Amino acid sequence: MNGLSIGSLAAETGSSVQTIRYYEQIGLLPPAGRTEGNQRRYGRDHVARLAFVRHSRELGFPLEAIRELLSLSDTPERDCNAADEIARRQLKAVEDRIKRLRALRTELKRMIAECSGGKISECHVIEVLGDSSHGHCVAHRHSAPEPALASD
């Protein structure tokens, strides 16, 4: 049986072996064929599908949205409205994240600017961070956006 080993697929796509196994396990990649020695062998379709998943992850799509998009791509004769809607949801999530990041930037800049230096006992940064009621914050409800998952 010809094809790429998992290491070759990883090298060609910039993925890790662990990620490839994980994507296979959760069904984003179809199972690889096996040699008589039980080694995985991947074809060009695996390379293309993995590239699709990686690019989607780089754009921040969650795994469930990628699953939906892959399902849509497997039926090319379908209308693309569903794919557009998934992309619109992702854009909204990105815009919301940007809004939260801007608020965080403003709060951090203000917190730093109000710190006059000196001793930790007088440090405004420490004081603000230690106030769980957010009484020193301009926006009492601010939170960091969820960290982006690594593309791998």
Foldseek 3Di string as FASTA:
>chain_A
DDADFLVRLCVVQVHDSVVLVVCCVVVLAPFADADPVRTGGDHPVRSVSLNQLLVCLVLQQDPVLSVVVVVCVVPVVDDCPVVVVSVVVSVVLVVVQVVLVVLVVVQVVVQVVPAPDDDPVRGSVVVCVPDLCNPVTPDSDGDHPDDRDPSD
